[in-house]
Amino acid sequence: MITQKDVVTEISTDQKVVLYPTYGYLVDSGNFWRVSVSGRVYEPGGVTFHKRLLLGLLKRFMGADIELLENEVFRRHISGFLAKTVRVKRVVVRIGDEIYVLPKKTRRNGEFQATFRIPIEQVAKWRKSGIQQGMTVPIEVVSPNEHPEDYQSSVQLIPDTGVSVISDIDDTIKETNVTCRRSMLENTFLREFRLIDGMLECFEKWASGEVAFHYVSSSPWQLFAPLAGLIGDSGLPEGSIHLRSFRIRDHMLRHVMLLRRGGKSAVIRDIIESFKGRQFILVGDSGEKDADIYAHLARKYPEQIQGIYIRELADRPMHQERCERSFRRIPSSKWHVFSCPSELPVQLPVQLQTVESDEITPCH
């Protein structure tokens, strides 16, 4: 921790920083908060050979007219993929009212990540002065440039005990249709992001009290801005956001189908192990591997994971055989398949073990 006002992030006027919402947890017998800081440094990039191929593939896969590729939505949603990440840059952040220099500079992919130990006495001052609101403490990049909104984010300081909801994004809270390549790309690049009807109302009810939220997705970090905008603008509960690291040349263009693959399990495991006294609700959908991932975690952390909710997609049904395979050795009271958010319980976790059988459809 430092207080020198002249210590700033090493970025030029044409470079930008994206700062992810993160979380903190108590360590050292509750005397310190361990706070995570992460994000990316990037700059607008030219259309390189690989990026020209990317645009051509998107146009072909979507069957889109050139006019659609020139609209405002497409420009905003594709901009992260055209950006050039910036390495070896020092990052300085302000957490609450204190300044911290990250010990390592940005990596080759522009990523920065660090954790800081903050005394509970310091956090108590933030709470008393109003800097901390509920569980949330503001964090921002200390920049030599003007402070655009993108440079600001938040940290949830989550108590040892309580309830946390970990939710997937695509086809769980956001309409994506990952099971159809063309629809998925159109929903990602050509249309404004849209919440699934009923999920906002459900999460609003669950958020009463001090329920913490974490949004975990295998979507690439290049979509952070529109995804964070969806969560913030829609009124979904504030929470940490965890996306997948991705560079076009690392995965080649055959993986441009938004990379529905691993990494989600490790992120969720880290969250659970950071809060050994908390209970967790896992929410996902049947389109990918959420049921298998969540069931595996429930077998590993049976005392902490109290509920699994899987939204059933019409073209990827959770039939009896699939349910039995995915949720083997998991008590039937812990997992539920739903088609409509109205089937979800109103309160958590009190009603988890007492929901009437006609309120939740365990399987089809």
Protein backbone atom coordinates (compact mmCIF):
# COMPACT_ATOMS: atom_id res chain seq x y z
CA MET A 1 0.00 0.00 0.00
CA ILE A 2 1.25 3.48 -0.88
CA THR A 3 -0.14 6.98 -0.80
CA GLN A 4 2.02 8.86 -3.33
CA LYS A 5 -0.34 10.77 -5.57
CA ASP A 6 2.07 10.70 -8.51
CA VAL A 7 2.13 6.88 -8.81
CA VAL A 8 -0.18 5.95 -11.67
CA THR A 9 -0.87 3.15 -14.11
CA GLU A 10 1.54 3.06 -17.05
CA ILE A 11 -0.82 3.64 -19.95
CA SER A 12 -0.83 6.10 -22.83
CA THR A 13 -3.79 8.15 -23.94
CA ASP A 14 -4.86 5.55 -26.55
CA GLN A 15 -4.69 2.62 -24.13
CA LYS A 16 -7.50 1.47 -21.87
CA VAL A 17 -8.02 -0.72 -18.83
CA VAL A 18 -10.88 -3.06 -18.07
CA LEU A 19 -11.27 -3.80 -14.35
CA TYR A 20 -13.32 -6.83 -13.34
CA PRO A 21 -15.69 -6.93 -10.34
CA THR A 22 -14.07 -9.26 -7.80
CA TYR A 23 -14.45 -10.39 -4.19
CA GLY A 24 -12.56 -10.50 -0.90
CA TYR A 25 -12.60 -12.93 2.01
CA LEU A 26 -11.30 -13.05 5.56
CA VAL A 27 -7.91 -14.62 6.37
CA ASP A 28 -5.51 -14.81 9.32
CA SER A 29 -8.17 -15.59 11.93
CA GLY A 30 -10.39 -12.84 10.57
CA ASN A 31 -7.84 -10.04 11.01
CA PHE A 32 -7.36 -9.29 7.31
CA TRP A 33 -9.39 -9.23 4.11
CA ARG A 34 -7.73 -10.86 1.11
CA VAL A 35 -8.93 -8.82 -1.86
CA SER A 36 -8.53 -9.90 -5.47
CA VAL A 37 -7.76 -7.42 -8.27
CA SER A 38 -7.82 -8.40 -11.95
CA GLY A 39 -8.34 -6.95 -15.41
CA ARG A 40 -6.72 -6.21 -18.77
CA VAL A 41 -4.80 -3.44 -20.48
CA TYR A 42 -5.51 -3.06 -24.19
CA GLU A 43 -5.65 -0.63 -27.06
CA PRO A 44 -7.74 -0.44 -30.23
CA GLY A 45 -6.13 -2.71 -32.80
CA GLY A 46 -6.00 -2.67 -36.56
CA VAL A 47 -7.61 -5.40 -38.61
CA THR A 48 -4.75 -7.91 -38.86
CA PHE A 49 -4.75 -11.01 -41.05
CA HIS A 50 -6.16 -13.18 -38.24
CA LYS A 51 -8.80 -10.62 -37.36
CA ARG A 52 -9.79 -10.24 -41.01
CA LEU A 53 -10.30 -14.01 -41.11
CA LEU A 54 -12.36 -13.76 -37.92
CA LEU A 55 -14.66 -11.17 -39.46
CA GLY A 56 -15.00 -13.24 -42.61
CA LEU A 57 -15.88 -16.37 -40.65
CA LEU A 58 -18.45 -14.53 -38.56
CA LYS A 59 -20.07 -13.12 -41.68
CA ARG A 60 -20.21 -16.58 -43.28
CA PHE A 61 -21.46 -18.44 -40.20
CA MET A 62 -24.18 -15.87 -39.49
CA GLY A 63 -25.13 -15.40 -43.14
CA ALA A 64 -25.29 -11.70 -42.32
CA ASP A 65 -25.51 -8.87 -44.83
CA ILE A 66 -22.67 -6.38 -44.74
CA GLU A 67 -25.10 -3.74 -43.47
CA LEU A 68 -25.65 -5.75 -40.28
CA LEU A 69 -21.91 -5.95 -39.69
CA GLU A 70 -21.74 -2.15 -39.78
CA ASN A 71 -24.41 -1.49 -37.13
CA GLU A 72 -23.66 -0.09 -33.70
CA VAL A 73 -24.36 -3.33 -31.81
CA PHE A 74 -21.90 -5.32 -33.93
CA ARG A 75 -19.20 -2.65 -33.59
CA ARG A 76 -19.54 -2.61 -29.80
CA HIS A 77 -19.64 -6.38 -29.37
CA ILE A 78 -16.77 -7.15 -31.76
CA SER A 79 -14.46 -4.39 -30.49
CA GLY A 80 -12.93 -6.53 -27.75
CA PHE A 81 -11.87 -9.16 -30.30
CA LEU A 82 -10.19 -6.53 -32.46
CA ALA A 83 -8.35 -4.95 -29.53
CA LYS A 84 -4.63 -5.40 -29.01
CA THR A 85 -3.59 -6.42 -25.49
CA VAL A 86 -0.67 -4.56 -23.93
CA ARG A 87 2.01 -6.28 -21.86
CA VAL A 88 4.59 -5.10 -19.30
CA LYS A 89 2.53 -2.26 -17.90
CA ARG A 90 2.46 -1.31 -14.24
CA VAL A 91 -1.05 -1.12 -12.83
CA VAL A 92 -2.04 1.00 -9.84
CA VAL A 93 -5.48 0.79 -8.24
CA ARG A 94 -7.38 2.60 -5.53
CA ILE A 95 -9.37 0.32 -3.22
CA GLY A 96 -11.62 2.35 -0.98
CA ASP A 97 -9.45 5.39 -0.34
CA GLU A 98 -6.06 3.63 -0.34
CA ILE A 99 -3.66 3.22 -3.30
CA TYR A 100 -2.04 -0.12 -4.17
CA VAL A 101 0.59 -0.94 -6.80
CA LEU A 102 0.27 -4.40 -8.29
CA PRO A 103 3.53 -6.31 -7.75
CA LYS A 104 3.67 -7.71 -11.30
CA LYS A 105 3.20 -5.92 -14.59
CA THR A 106 0.71 -7.02 -17.23
CA ARG A 107 1.29 -10.37 -18.91
CA ARG A 108 1.67 -11.07 -22.60
CA ASN A 109 -2.12 -11.21 -22.95
CA GLY A 110 -2.55 -7.87 -21.19
CA GLU A 111 -3.88 -9.52 -18.03
CA PHE A 112 -3.05 -8.33 -14.54
CA GLN A 113 -3.93 -10.07 -11.31
CA ALA A 114 -2.98 -9.66 -7.67
CA THR A 115 -4.30 -10.04 -4.14
CA PHE A 116 -3.87 -7.64 -1.24
CA ARG A 117 -4.25 -8.14 2.50
CA ILE A 118 -6.25 -5.28 3.99
CA PRO A 119 -6.58 -4.97 7.79
CA ILE A 120 -10.11 -5.27 9.11
CA GLU A 121 -9.58 -1.95 10.90
CA GLN A 122 -9.15 -0.23 7.52
CA VAL A 123 -12.35 -1.79 6.20
CA ALA A 124 -14.16 -0.73 9.38
CA LYS A 125 -13.15 2.88 8.63
CA TRP A 126 -14.52 2.55 5.09
CA ARG A 127 -17.78 1.22 6.47
CA LYS A 128 -18.03 4.01 9.03
CA SER A 129 -17.28 6.72 6.47
CA GLY A 130 -19.74 5.32 3.93
CA ILE A 131 -17.10 4.26 1.39
CA GLN A 132 -18.28 0.68 1.82
CA GLN A 133 -21.94 0.19 0.90
CA GLY A 134 -23.31 -3.14 2.09
CA MET A 135 -20.70 -5.70 1.08
CA THR A 136 -19.31 -3.52 -1.71
CA VAL A 137 -16.14 -1.40 -1.75
CA PRO A 138 -15.29 0.68 -4.86
CA ILE A 139 -12.11 0.02 -6.79
CA GLU A 140 -10.67 2.06 -9.65
CA VAL A 141 -7.57 2.30 -11.79
CA VAL A 142 -5.30 5.20 -10.90
CA SER A 143 -4.67 6.55 -14.39
CA PRO A 144 -2.74 9.49 -15.89
CA ASN A 145 -5.72 10.00 -18.20
CA GLU A 146 -9.25 11.01 -17.40
CA HIS A 147 -11.17 8.41 -15.44
CA PRO A 148 -13.74 6.87 -17.76
CA GLU A 149 -16.38 4.66 -16.24
CA ASP A 150 -14.56 1.58 -17.57
CA TYR A 151 -11.78 2.20 -15.06
CA GLN A 152 -14.14 1.70 -12.12
CA SER A 153 -15.41 -1.50 -10.57
CA SER A 154 -16.14 -3.00 -7.17
CA VAL A 155 -15.04 -5.63 -4.67
CA GLN A 156 -17.51 -7.66 -2.62
CA LEU A 157 -16.22 -8.22 0.92
CA ILE A 158 -18.06 -11.43 1.70
CA PRO A 159 -18.42 -12.74 5.29
CA ASP A 160 -17.32 -16.24 6.29
CA THR A 161 -20.88 -17.46 6.70
CA GLY A 162 -24.05 -16.99 4.69
CA VAL A 163 -25.39 -17.93 1.28
CA SER A 164 -23.75 -17.40 -2.12
CA VAL A 165 -25.27 -17.89 -5.56
CA ILE A 166 -22.95 -18.93 -8.39
CA SER A 167 -24.64 -18.55 -11.76
CA ASP A 168 -23.76 -19.30 -15.35
CA ILE A 169 -24.61 -16.54 -17.83
CA ASP A 170 -25.35 -17.85 -21.34
CA ASP A 171 -28.77 -19.52 -21.54
CA THR A 172 -29.08 -19.31 -17.77
CA ILE A 173 -29.71 -15.61 -17.30
CA LYS A 174 -29.04 -14.38 -20.87
CA GLU A 175 -30.61 -15.52 -24.12
CA THR A 176 -27.79 -17.00 -26.23
CA ASN A 177 -28.84 -20.38 -27.69
CA VAL A 178 -25.37 -21.93 -27.57
CA THR A 179 -26.68 -25.19 -29.05
CA CYS A 180 -27.19 -23.50 -32.44
CA ARG A 181 -24.05 -21.92 -33.86
CA ARG A 182 -25.77 -19.38 -36.07
CA SER A 183 -28.25 -18.26 -33.40
CA MET A 184 -25.48 -18.05 -30.81
CA LEU A 185 -23.37 -15.79 -33.02
CA GLU A 186 -26.34 -13.62 -33.96
CA ASN A 187 -27.36 -13.24 -30.30
CA THR A 188 -23.77 -12.41 -29.40
CA PHE A 189 -22.80 -9.99 -32.15
CA LEU A 190 -25.90 -8.67 -33.91
CA ARG A 191 -28.44 -8.20 -31.12
CA GLU A 192 -28.50 -6.38 -27.83
CA PHE A 193 -28.08 -8.81 -24.95
CA ARG A 194 -31.38 -9.79 -23.37
CA LEU A 195 -32.24 -11.40 -20.04
CA ILE A 196 -34.29 -14.57 -19.92
CA ASP A 197 -37.77 -13.66 -18.75
CA GLY A 198 -38.23 -14.23 -15.03
CA MET A 199 -34.58 -14.60 -13.99
CA LEU A 200 -34.27 -10.98 -12.82
CA GLU A 201 -37.29 -11.33 -10.55
CA CYS A 202 -35.95 -14.62 -9.17
CA PHE A 203 -32.49 -13.25 -8.41
CA GLU A 204 -33.97 -10.10 -6.89
CA LYS A 205 -35.90 -12.25 -4.42
CA TRP A 206 -32.85 -14.35 -3.65
CA ALA A 207 -30.74 -11.24 -3.08
CA SER A 208 -32.72 -10.08 -0.06
CA GLY A 209 -30.40 -9.96 2.91
CA GLU A 210 -26.66 -10.42 2.35
CA VAL A 211 -26.64 -13.09 -0.35
CA ALA A 212 -23.47 -12.86 -2.46
CA PHE A 213 -23.51 -13.41 -6.22
CA HIS A 214 -20.85 -14.67 -8.61
CA TYR A 215 -21.35 -14.82 -12.39
CA VAL A 216 -19.14 -17.47 -14.01
CA SER A 217 -19.09 -18.00 -17.76
CA SER A 218 -16.99 -19.65 -20.46
CA SER A 219 -17.57 -16.61 -22.67
CA PRO A 220 -14.28 -14.85 -23.54
CA TRP A 221 -13.11 -11.72 -21.72
CA GLN A 222 -13.58 -9.73 -24.93
CA LEU A 223 -17.32 -9.72 -24.18
CA PHE A 224 -16.90 -8.32 -20.67
CA ALA A 225 -18.21 -4.83 -21.46
CA PRO A 226 -21.57 -5.89 -22.93
CA LEU A 227 -22.03 -8.64 -20.35
CA ALA A 228 -21.24 -6.32 -17.44
CA GLY A 229 -23.59 -3.78 -19.00
CA LEU A 230 -26.36 -6.36 -19.14
CA ILE A 231 -25.93 -7.28 -15.47
CA GLY A 232 -25.66 -3.67 -14.29
CA ASP A 233 -28.31 -2.09 -16.50
CA SER A 234 -30.88 -4.85 -15.97
CA GLY A 235 -30.80 -4.57 -12.19
CA LEU A 236 -29.40 -8.05 -11.52
CA PRO A 237 -27.66 -8.30 -8.13
CA GLU A 238 -24.13 -6.95 -8.17
CA GLY A 239 -21.46 -9.63 -8.04
CA SER A 240 -18.06 -10.77 -9.24
CA ILE A 241 -17.76 -11.66 -12.94
CA HIS A 242 -15.46 -14.44 -14.15
CA LEU A 243 -14.87 -14.93 -17.89
CA ARG A 244 -12.48 -17.06 -19.89
CA SER A 245 -9.06 -15.92 -21.05
CA PHE A 246 -8.78 -16.10 -24.83
CA ARG A 247 -6.48 -14.95 -27.63
CA ILE A 248 -7.44 -15.57 -31.23
CA ARG A 249 -4.04 -16.87 -32.27
CA ASP A 250 -3.81 -19.19 -29.26
CA HIS A 251 -6.91 -21.15 -30.19
CA MET A 252 -6.91 -20.56 -33.95
CA LEU A 253 -10.06 -19.54 -35.68
CA ARG A 254 -11.72 -22.94 -35.49
CA HIS A 255 -12.56 -22.10 -31.87
CA VAL A 256 -14.27 -18.81 -32.60
CA MET A 257 -17.62 -20.40 -31.78
CA LEU A 258 -17.31 -18.69 -28.39
CA LEU A 259 -15.26 -21.43 -26.85
CA ARG A 260 -17.69 -23.46 -24.82
CA ARG A 261 -15.16 -25.47 -22.84
CA GLY A 262 -13.27 -25.85 -19.57
CA GLY A 263 -12.17 -23.47 -16.85
CA LYS A 264 -15.53 -22.89 -15.15
CA SER A 265 -15.05 -25.72 -12.65
CA ALA A 266 -11.71 -24.37 -11.39
CA VAL A 267 -13.13 -20.87 -10.87
CA ILE A 268 -16.11 -22.18 -8.89
CA ARG A 269 -13.86 -24.43 -6.82
CA ASP A 270 -11.68 -21.44 -5.88
CA ILE A 271 -14.74 -19.48 -4.78
CA ILE A 272 -16.07 -22.34 -2.66
CA GLU A 273 -12.71 -22.99 -1.00
CA SER A 274 -12.37 -19.29 -0.15
CA PHE A 275 -15.55 -19.47 1.94
CA LYS A 276 -15.57 -22.75 3.82
CA GLY A 277 -18.35 -21.59 6.13
CA ARG A 278 -20.77 -20.49 3.41
CA GLN A 279 -23.51 -22.43 1.63
CA PHE A 280 -23.75 -22.31 -2.15
CA ILE A 281 -26.51 -22.38 -4.74
CA LEU A 282 -25.38 -23.27 -8.29
CA VAL A 283 -27.49 -22.19 -11.27
CA GLY A 284 -26.89 -23.29 -14.86
CA ASP A 285 -28.51 -24.76 -17.94
CA SER A 286 -28.69 -28.03 -19.85
CA GLY A 287 -27.02 -26.72 -23.00
CA GLU A 288 -23.46 -27.42 -21.95
CA LYS A 289 -21.80 -29.27 -19.06
CA ASP A 290 -23.25 -27.35 -16.13
CA ALA A 291 -25.08 -30.35 -14.67
CA ASP A 292 -21.94 -32.52 -14.73
CA ILE A 293 -19.69 -29.76 -13.39
CA TYR A 294 -22.07 -28.83 -10.58
CA ALA A 295 -22.70 -32.46 -9.60
CA HIS A 296 -18.98 -33.12 -9.40
CA LEU A 297 -18.56 -30.10 -7.12
CA ALA A 298 -21.53 -31.21 -5.00
CA ARG A 299 -19.90 -34.57 -4.44
CA LYS A 300 -16.65 -32.82 -3.48
CA TYR A 301 -18.30 -30.21 -1.21
CA PRO A 302 -21.50 -31.91 0.04
CA GLU A 303 -21.83 -29.73 3.15
CA GLN A 304 -21.49 -26.45 1.29
CA ILE A 305 -23.48 -26.95 -1.90
CA GLN A 306 -27.10 -26.92 -0.88
CA GLY A 307 -28.85 -26.56 -4.22
CA ILE A 308 -28.31 -27.08 -7.95
CA TYR A 309 -30.76 -25.59 -10.44
CA ILE A 310 -30.52 -26.46 -14.13
CA ARG A 311 -32.57 -24.58 -16.72
CA GLU A 312 -33.74 -27.10 -19.30
CA LEU A 313 -33.33 -26.10 -22.96
CA ALA A 314 -35.82 -27.58 -25.39
CA ASP A 315 -33.16 -29.05 -27.70
CA ARG A 316 -31.00 -30.38 -24.83
CA PRO A 317 -33.56 -32.01 -22.51
CA MET A 318 -32.63 -33.38 -19.10
CA HIS A 319 -34.20 -36.77 -19.67
CA GLN A 320 -34.20 -39.42 -16.96
CA GLU A 321 -31.07 -41.19 -18.13
CA ARG A 322 -29.11 -37.96 -18.35
CA CYS A 323 -30.25 -36.88 -14.90
CA GLU A 324 -29.28 -40.20 -13.35
CA ARG A 325 -25.88 -40.11 -15.03
CA SER A 326 -25.07 -36.50 -14.13
CA PHE A 327 -26.43 -36.52 -10.57
CA ARG A 328 -25.38 -39.96 -9.41
CA ARG A 329 -24.82 -40.10 -5.67
CA ILE A 330 -26.41 -36.64 -5.25
CA PRO A 331 -29.55 -36.54 -3.05
CA SER A 332 -32.59 -35.75 -5.19
CA SER A 333 -33.50 -32.93 -2.79
CA LYS A 334 -30.34 -31.04 -3.82
CA TRP A 335 -30.83 -30.83 -7.58
CA HIS A 336 -33.71 -29.55 -9.65
CA VAL A 337 -34.47 -29.06 -13.34
CA PHE A 338 -36.68 -26.13 -14.31
CA SER A 339 -38.10 -24.79 -17.55
CA CYS A 340 -39.52 -21.51 -16.25
CA PRO A 341 -37.95 -19.34 -13.51
CA SER A 342 -41.34 -19.25 -11.78
CA GLU A 343 -40.64 -22.87 -10.79
CA LEU A 344 -37.67 -21.77 -8.66
CA PRO A 345 -38.05 -21.30 -4.89
CA VAL A 346 -38.75 -17.80 -3.64
CA GLN A 347 -36.23 -17.78 -0.79
CA LEU A 348 -32.84 -19.33 -0.20
CA PRO A 349 -31.80 -21.45 1.53
CA VAL A 350 -34.75 -21.88 3.93
CA GLN A 351 -37.03 -23.30 1.31
CA LEU A 352 -34.42 -25.49 -0.33
CA GLN A 353 -35.25 -28.52 1.75
CA THR A 354 -38.96 -27.78 2.07
CA VAL A 355 -40.08 -26.95 -1.49
CA GLU A 356 -43.21 -28.87 -2.37
CA SER A 357 -42.82 -31.44 -5.13
CA ASP A 358 -45.26 -29.64 -7.44
CA GLU A 359 -43.18 -26.45 -7.32
CA ILE A 360 -40.04 -27.98 -8.83
CA THR A 361 -39.86 -30.58 -11.55
CA PRO A 362 -36.86 -32.79 -10.67
CA CYS A 363 -36.66 -34.39 -14.11
CA HIS A 364 -38.62 -35.08 -17.25
